[in-house]
Amino acid sequence: MTPARAWRILIVNDHEIVRRGLARLMARRRDFQVVGEAATAAEATEKAVQLYPDIVVLDLHLTDASSVQVCREIRSRNSRIRVLLLTSYGDDEAVIGAILGGAAGYLRKEVRSQDIIDAVRKVARGQPLLDHGIRERVLERVRRGAQEGLGQLTRLEEEVLGHVATGKTNPEVAAAVFLSEEMVRTSVGALLKKLEAARRS
């Protein structure tokens, strides 16, 4: 189904041929609008603020900075933006770091063009794009960190944290756990205190 307006896409990749190829691929779809391209982490952060994309398609390996840091920076400035990672096989640890940094999902580079289009559409609609193995490892990492350093979380806080760790916004978490947005905000605030975190990202 075509949305009321085209989803705004920012492509971030330091290989010009790949970046331009992705831009052309998405520009052919009526439900996508490629609003910009970036080759560096600094460009990506700047354009994410200036261009108001809905989706940032981010290569996991940038030459000038960690894509995990880029993801965190973009999401800290605008949590509405969803970040889709393009990764290679064997990048699972980096993927987990990026998911914990707020990425909505990841996609292997070794896929067909239509798989990329389908993945961007899923992320745009707020659908999770994590396979079961990665999701379990992300949640285990979060649980272990909370238990080791900062005390036991309640069952509700652990569930909310699991959703926050996969990049969901408060309204998305509220829908997933069947709570009001106000209750989710309260739970997130309690989590930040228990985890001694200055902010959500």
C-alpha atoms as a PDB file:
ATOM      1  CA  MET A   1       0.000   0.000   0.000  1.00  0.00           C
ATOM      2  CA  THR A   2       1.381   3.426  -0.959  1.00  0.00           C
ATOM      3  CA  PRO A   3       1.579   5.886   1.973  1.00  0.00           C
ATOM      4  CA  ALA A   4      -0.161   9.294   1.903  1.00  0.00           C
ATOM      5  CA  ARG A   5       3.258  10.773   1.154  1.00  0.00           C
ATOM      6  CA  ALA A   6       6.484   9.222  -0.009  1.00  0.00           C
ATOM      7  CA  TRP A   7       8.888   8.093   2.691  1.00  0.00           C
ATOM      8  CA  ARG A   8      11.931  10.340   2.794  1.00  0.00           C
ATOM      9  CA  ILE A   9      15.202   8.404   2.472  1.00  0.00           C
ATOM     10  CA  LEU A  10      18.792   9.427   3.243  1.00  0.00           C
ATOM     11  CA  ILE A  11      21.513   7.127   1.852  1.00  0.00           C
ATOM     12  CA  VAL A  12      24.813   6.990   3.766  1.00  0.00           C
ATOM     13  CA  ASN A  13      27.686   5.078   2.172  1.00  0.00           C
ATOM     14  CA  ASP A  14      31.300   6.078   1.576  1.00  0.00           C
ATOM     15  CA  HIS A  15      31.469   4.163  -1.723  1.00  0.00           C
ATOM     16  CA  GLU A  16      30.082   6.481  -4.378  1.00  0.00           C
ATOM     17  CA  ILE A  17      29.060   3.735  -6.803  1.00  0.00           C
ATOM     18  CA  VAL A  18      27.136   1.852  -4.117  1.00  0.00           C
ATOM     19  CA  ARG A  19      25.570   5.039  -2.776  1.00  0.00           C
ATOM     20  CA  ARG A  20      24.419   6.220  -6.193  1.00  0.00           C
ATOM     21  CA  GLY A  21      23.176   2.735  -7.062  1.00  0.00           C
ATOM     22  CA  LEU A  22      21.037   2.589  -3.922  1.00  0.00           C
ATOM     23  CA  ALA A  23      19.714   6.084  -4.586  1.00  0.00           C
ATOM     24  CA  ARG A  24      18.700   5.185  -8.147  1.00  0.00           C
ATOM     25  CA  LEU A  25      17.116   1.933  -7.003  1.00  0.00           C
ATOM     26  CA  MET A  26      14.918   3.704  -4.461  1.00  0.00           C
ATOM     27  CA  ALA A  27      14.150   6.737  -6.598  1.00  0.00           C
ATOM     28  CA  ARG A  28      12.279   4.449  -9.021  1.00  0.00           C
ATOM     29  CA  ARG A  29       9.665   3.663  -6.360  1.00  0.00           C
ATOM     30  CA  ARG A  30       6.668   5.964  -5.986  1.00  0.00           C
ATOM     31  CA  ASP A  31       6.552   5.474  -2.222  1.00  0.00           C
ATOM     32  CA  PHE A  32      10.193   6.583  -1.741  1.00  0.00           C
ATOM     33  CA  GLN A  33      11.758  10.011  -2.055  1.00  0.00           C
ATOM     34  CA  VAL A  34      15.554  10.082  -1.843  1.00  0.00           C
ATOM     35  CA  VAL A  35      16.149  13.437  -0.149  1.00  0.00           C
ATOM     36  CA  GLY A  36      19.917  13.195   0.138  1.00  0.00           C
ATOM     37  CA  GLU A  37      23.154  11.241   0.120  1.00  0.00           C
ATOM     38  CA  ALA A  38      26.116  11.329   2.488  1.00  0.00           C
ATOM     39  CA  ALA A  39      29.595   9.864   2.249  1.00  0.00           C
ATOM     40  CA  THR A  40      30.872  10.586   5.776  1.00  0.00           C
ATOM     41  CA  ALA A  41      29.643  10.416   9.352  1.00  0.00           C
ATOM     42  CA  ALA A  42      29.700  14.209   9.668  1.00  0.00           C
ATOM     43  CA  GLU A  43      27.648  14.597   6.482  1.00  0.00           C
ATOM     44  CA  ALA A  44      25.203  11.945   7.642  1.00  0.00           C
ATOM     45  CA  THR A  45      24.532  13.663  10.967  1.00  0.00           C
ATOM     46  CA  GLU A  46      24.240  17.099   9.380  1.00  0.00           C
ATOM     47  CA  LYS A  47      21.861  15.974   6.629  1.00  0.00           C
ATOM     48  CA  ALA A  48      19.762  13.912   9.028  1.00  0.00           C
ATOM     49  CA  VAL A  49      19.079  17.150  10.913  1.00  0.00           C
ATOM     50  CA  GLN A  50      18.578  19.321   7.819  1.00  0.00           C
ATOM     51  CA  LEU A  51      16.539  17.025   5.577  1.00  0.00           C
ATOM     52  CA  TYR A  52      14.130  15.328   8.033  1.00  0.00           C
ATOM     53  CA  PRO A  53      14.369  11.827   6.534  1.00  0.00           C
ATOM     54  CA  ASP A  54      12.060   9.076   7.712  1.00  0.00           C
ATOM     55  CA  ILE A  55      14.679   6.402   7.022  1.00  0.00           C
ATOM     56  CA  VAL A  56      18.476   6.501   6.998  1.00  0.00           C
ATOM     57  CA  VAL A  57      20.045   3.612   5.079  1.00  0.00           C
ATOM     58  CA  LEU A  58      23.459   3.434   6.737  1.00  0.00           C
ATOM     59  CA  ASP A  59      26.441   1.313   5.764  1.00  0.00           C
ATOM     60  CA  LEU A  60      27.895  -0.301   8.862  1.00  0.00           C
ATOM     61  CA  HIS A  61      31.477   0.431   7.794  1.00  0.00           C
ATOM     62  CA  LEU A  62      32.252   4.116   7.274  1.00  0.00           C
ATOM     63  CA  THR A  63      35.889   5.112   6.980  1.00  0.00           C
ATOM     64  CA  ASP A  64      35.756   8.242   9.147  1.00  0.00           C
ATOM     65  CA  ALA A  65      33.726   7.140  12.174  1.00  0.00           C
ATOM     66  CA  SER A  66      31.835   4.307  13.816  1.00  0.00           C
ATOM     67  CA  SER A  67      28.411   3.766  12.301  1.00  0.00           C
ATOM     68  CA  VAL A  68      27.220   2.875  15.799  1.00  0.00           C
ATOM     69  CA  GLN A  69      28.145   6.397  16.899  1.00  0.00           C
ATOM     70  CA  VAL A  70      26.442   7.852  13.818  1.00  0.00           C
ATOM     71  CA  CYS A  71      23.276   5.913  14.573  1.00  0.00           C
ATOM     72  CA  ARG A  72      23.266   7.073  18.193  1.00  0.00           C
ATOM     73  CA  GLU A  73      23.856  10.685  17.206  1.00  0.00           C
ATOM     74  CA  ILE A  74      21.086  10.707  14.608  1.00  0.00           C
ATOM     75  CA  ARG A  75      18.614   9.044  16.967  1.00  0.00           C
ATOM     76  CA  SER A  76      19.516  11.339  19.870  1.00  0.00           C
ATOM     77  CA  ARG A  77      18.724  14.359  17.712  1.00  0.00           C
ATOM     78  CA  ASN A  78      15.519  12.930  16.271  1.00  0.00           C
ATOM     79  CA  SER A  79      14.175   9.663  17.668  1.00  0.00           C
ATOM     80  CA  ARG A  80      11.529   9.543  14.914  1.00  0.00           C
ATOM     81  CA  ILE A  81      14.182   8.678  12.328  1.00  0.00           C
ATOM     82  CA  ARG A  82      14.601   4.952  11.720  1.00  0.00           C
ATOM     83  CA  VAL A  83      18.050   3.652  10.809  1.00  0.00           C
ATOM     84  CA  LEU A  84      18.486   0.599   8.587  1.00  0.00           C
ATOM     85  CA  LEU A  85      21.999  -0.872   8.537  1.00  0.00           C
ATOM     86  CA  LEU A  86      23.625  -2.508   5.548  1.00  0.00           C
ATOM     87  CA  THR A  87      26.089  -5.113   6.810  1.00  0.00           C
ATOM     88  CA  SER A  88      28.327  -7.927   5.659  1.00  0.00           C
ATOM     89  CA  TYR A  89      28.367 -11.481   6.969  1.00  0.00           C
ATOM     90  CA  GLY A  90      30.341 -11.793  10.187  1.00  0.00           C
ATOM     91  CA  ASP A  91      29.338  -8.339  11.495  1.00  0.00           C
ATOM     92  CA  ASP A  92      27.039  -9.620  14.235  1.00  0.00           C
ATOM     93  CA  GLU A  93      28.865  -7.944  17.133  1.00  0.00           C
ATOM     94  CA  ALA A  94      28.833  -4.576  15.357  1.00  0.00           C
ATOM     95  CA  VAL A  95      25.163  -5.071  14.486  1.00  0.00           C
ATOM     96  CA  ILE A  96      24.339  -5.692  18.146  1.00  0.00           C
ATOM     97  CA  GLY A  97      26.130  -2.474  19.104  1.00  0.00           C
ATOM     98  CA  ALA A  98      24.180  -0.522  16.507  1.00  0.00           C
ATOM     99  CA  ILE A  99      20.860  -2.033  17.565  1.00  0.00           C
ATOM    100  CA  LEU A 100      21.628  -1.036  21.144  1.00  0.00           C
ATOM    101  CA  GLY A 101      22.394   2.404  19.714  1.00  0.00           C
ATOM    102  CA  GLY A 102      18.907   2.667  18.262  1.00  0.00           C
ATOM    103  CA  ALA A 103      19.027   1.088  14.803  1.00  0.00           C
ATOM    104  CA  ALA A 104      15.663  -0.302  13.661  1.00  0.00           C
ATOM    105  CA  GLY A 105      17.189  -3.269  11.896  1.00  0.00           C
ATOM    106  CA  TYR A 106      19.836  -4.538   9.548  1.00  0.00           C
ATOM    107  CA  LEU A 107      20.113  -6.089   6.123  1.00  0.00           C
ATOM    108  CA  ARG A 108      22.915  -8.129   4.602  1.00  0.00           C
ATOM    109  CA  LYS A 109      24.516  -6.551   1.551  1.00  0.00           C
ATOM    110  CA  GLU A 110      24.423  -9.902  -0.190  1.00  0.00           C
ATOM    111  CA  VAL A 111      20.724  -9.692  -1.131  1.00  0.00           C
ATOM    112  CA  ARG A 112      18.606  -8.908  -4.181  1.00  0.00           C
ATOM    113  CA  SER A 113      17.469  -5.372  -5.007  1.00  0.00           C
ATOM    114  CA  GLN A 114      13.875  -6.227  -4.150  1.00  0.00           C
ATOM    115  CA  ASP A 115      14.955  -7.438  -0.704  1.00  0.00           C
ATOM    116  CA  ILE A 116      16.416  -3.999  -0.012  1.00  0.00           C
ATOM    117  CA  ILE A 117      13.206  -2.281  -1.126  1.00  0.00           C
ATOM    118  CA  ASP A 118      11.096  -4.620   1.010  1.00  0.00           C
ATOM    119  CA  ALA A 119      13.346  -4.051   4.038  1.00  0.00           C
ATOM    120  CA  VAL A 120      13.120  -0.253   3.767  1.00  0.00           C
ATOM    121  CA  ARG A 121       9.332  -0.484   3.518  1.00  0.00           C
ATOM    122  CA  LYS A 122       9.141  -2.692   6.612  1.00  0.00           C
ATOM    123  CA  VAL A 123      11.316  -0.346   8.632  1.00  0.00           C
ATOM    124  CA  ALA A 124       9.294   2.656   7.411  1.00  0.00           C
ATOM    125  CA  ARG A 125       6.123   0.972   8.675  1.00  0.00           C
ATOM    126  CA  GLY A 126       7.690   0.325  12.056  1.00  0.00           C
ATOM    127  CA  GLN A 127       8.019  -3.422  11.567  1.00  0.00           C
ATOM    128  CA  PRO A 128      11.029  -5.079  13.253  1.00  0.00           C
ATOM    129  CA  LEU A 129      13.830  -6.227  10.989  1.00  0.00           C
ATOM    130  CA  LEU A 130      15.896  -8.446  13.271  1.00  0.00           C
ATOM    131  CA  ASP A 131      16.276 -12.165  13.002  1.00  0.00           C
ATOM    132  CA  HIS A 132      15.533 -14.193  16.128  1.00  0.00           C
ATOM    133  CA  GLY A 133      19.176 -14.956  16.920  1.00  0.00           C
ATOM    134  CA  ILE A 134      20.301 -11.330  16.845  1.00  0.00           C
ATOM    135  CA  ARG A 135      17.269 -10.199  18.842  1.00  0.00           C
ATOM    136  CA  GLU A 136      17.941 -12.714  21.594  1.00  0.00           C
ATOM    137  CA  ARG A 137      21.595 -11.714  21.775  1.00  0.00           C
ATOM    138  CA  VAL A 138      20.651  -8.033  22.025  1.00  0.00           C
ATOM    139  CA  LEU A 139      18.187  -8.705  24.846  1.00  0.00           C
ATOM    140  CA  GLU A 140      20.664 -10.955  26.661  1.00  0.00           C
ATOM    141  CA  ARG A 141      23.325  -8.229  26.446  1.00  0.00           C
ATOM    142  CA  VAL A 142      20.889  -5.688  27.891  1.00  0.00           C
ATOM    143  CA  ARG A 143      19.756  -8.007  30.695  1.00  0.00           C
ATOM    144  CA  ARG A 144      23.300  -8.983  31.615  1.00  0.00           C
ATOM    145  CA  GLY A 145      24.424  -5.366  31.773  1.00  0.00           C
ATOM    146  CA  ALA A 146      21.502  -4.361  33.942  1.00  0.00           C
ATOM    147  CA  GLN A 147      21.970  -7.271  36.337  1.00  0.00           C
ATOM    148  CA  GLU A 148      25.740  -6.967  36.621  1.00  0.00           C
ATOM    149  CA  GLY A 149      26.030  -3.255  37.211  1.00  0.00           C
ATOM    150  CA  LEU A 150      22.865  -1.587  38.366  1.00  0.00           C
ATOM    151  CA  GLY A 151      20.471  -3.886  40.102  1.00  0.00           C
ATOM    152  CA  GLN A 152      17.472  -5.944  39.115  1.00  0.00           C
ATOM    153  CA  LEU A 153      14.846  -4.455  36.813  1.00  0.00           C
ATOM    154  CA  THR A 154      11.164  -5.191  37.227  1.00  0.00           C
ATOM    155  CA  ARG A 155       9.570  -7.458  34.649  1.00  0.00           C
ATOM    156  CA  LEU A 156       7.799  -4.474  33.048  1.00  0.00           C
ATOM    157  CA  GLU A 157      10.992  -2.400  32.955  1.00  0.00           C
ATOM    158  CA  GLU A 158      12.868  -5.282  31.340  1.00  0.00           C
ATOM    159  CA  GLU A 159      10.162  -5.636  28.686  1.00  0.00           C
ATOM    160  CA  VAL A 160      10.130  -1.892  27.991  1.00  0.00           C
ATOM    161  CA  LEU A 161      13.933  -1.834  27.855  1.00  0.00           C
ATOM    162  CA  GLY A 162      13.925  -4.672  25.328  1.00  0.00           C
ATOM    163  CA  HIS A 163      11.746  -2.610  23.000  1.00  0.00           C
ATOM    164  CA  VAL A 164      13.715   0.606  23.573  1.00  0.00           C
ATOM    165  CA  ALA A 165      16.955  -1.273  22.847  1.00  0.00           C
ATOM    166  CA  THR A 166      15.638  -2.215  19.404  1.00  0.00           C
ATOM    167  CA  GLY A 167      15.013   1.447  18.562  1.00  0.00           C
ATOM    168  CA  LYS A 168      11.271   1.771  19.198  1.00  0.00           C
ATOM    169  CA  THR A 169       9.746   5.123  20.149  1.00  0.00           C
ATOM    170  CA  ASN A 170       7.491   5.534  23.189  1.00  0.00           C
ATOM    171  CA  PRO A 171       4.266   5.224  21.116  1.00  0.00           C
ATOM    172  CA  GLU A 172       5.619   2.048  19.495  1.00  0.00           C
ATOM    173  CA  VAL A 173       6.574   0.603  22.888  1.00  0.00           C
ATOM    174  CA  ALA A 174       3.151   1.510  24.288  1.00  0.00           C
ATOM    175  CA  ALA A 175       1.443  -0.393  21.463  1.00  0.00           C
ATOM    176  CA  ALA A 176       3.729  -3.407  21.930  1.00  0.00           C
ATOM    177  CA  VAL A 177       3.235  -3.741  25.707  1.00  0.00           C
ATOM    178  CA  PHE A 178      -0.398  -2.534  25.823  1.00  0.00           C
ATOM    179  CA  LEU A 179       0.263   0.442  28.096  1.00  0.00           C
ATOM    180  CA  SER A 180      -0.427   4.152  27.817  1.00  0.00           C
ATOM    181  CA  GLU A 181       2.327   6.401  26.498  1.00  0.00           C
ATOM    182  CA  GLU A 182       2.411   8.097  29.910  1.00  0.00           C
ATOM    183  CA  MET A 183       3.144   4.794  31.647  1.00  0.00           C
ATOM    184  CA  VAL A 184       5.863   4.023  29.113  1.00  0.00           C
ATOM    185  CA  ARG A 185       7.435   7.452  29.682  1.00  0.00           C
ATOM    186  CA  THR A 186       7.416   6.780  33.422  1.00  0.00           C
ATOM    187  CA  SER A 187       9.028   3.352  32.902  1.00  0.00           C
ATOM    188  CA  VAL A 188      11.693   4.805  30.607  1.00  0.00           C
ATOM    189  CA  GLY A 189      12.449   7.506  33.179  1.00  0.00           C
ATOM    190  CA  ALA A 190      12.869   4.838  35.879  1.00  0.00           C
ATOM    191  CA  LEU A 191      15.130   2.840  33.568  1.00  0.00           C
ATOM    192  CA  LEU A 192      17.367   5.825  32.910  1.00  0.00           C
ATOM    193  CA  LYS A 193      17.824   6.303  36.653  1.00  0.00           C
ATOM    194  CA  LYS A 194      18.542   2.638  37.332  1.00  0.00           C
ATOM    195  CA  LEU A 195      20.965   2.419  34.409  1.00  0.00           C
ATOM    196  CA  GLU A 196      22.559   5.753  35.330  1.00  0.00           C
ATOM    197  CA  ALA A 197      22.016   6.943  31.768  1.00  0.00           C
ATOM    198  CA  ALA A 198      21.857  10.642  30.950  1.00  0.00           C
ATOM    199  CA  ARG A 199      19.558  10.154  27.977  1.00  0.00           C
ATOM    200  CA  ARG A 200      17.681   7.540  26.024  1.00  0.00           C
ATOM    201  CA  SER A 201      20.336   6.978  23.323  1.00  0.00           C
END
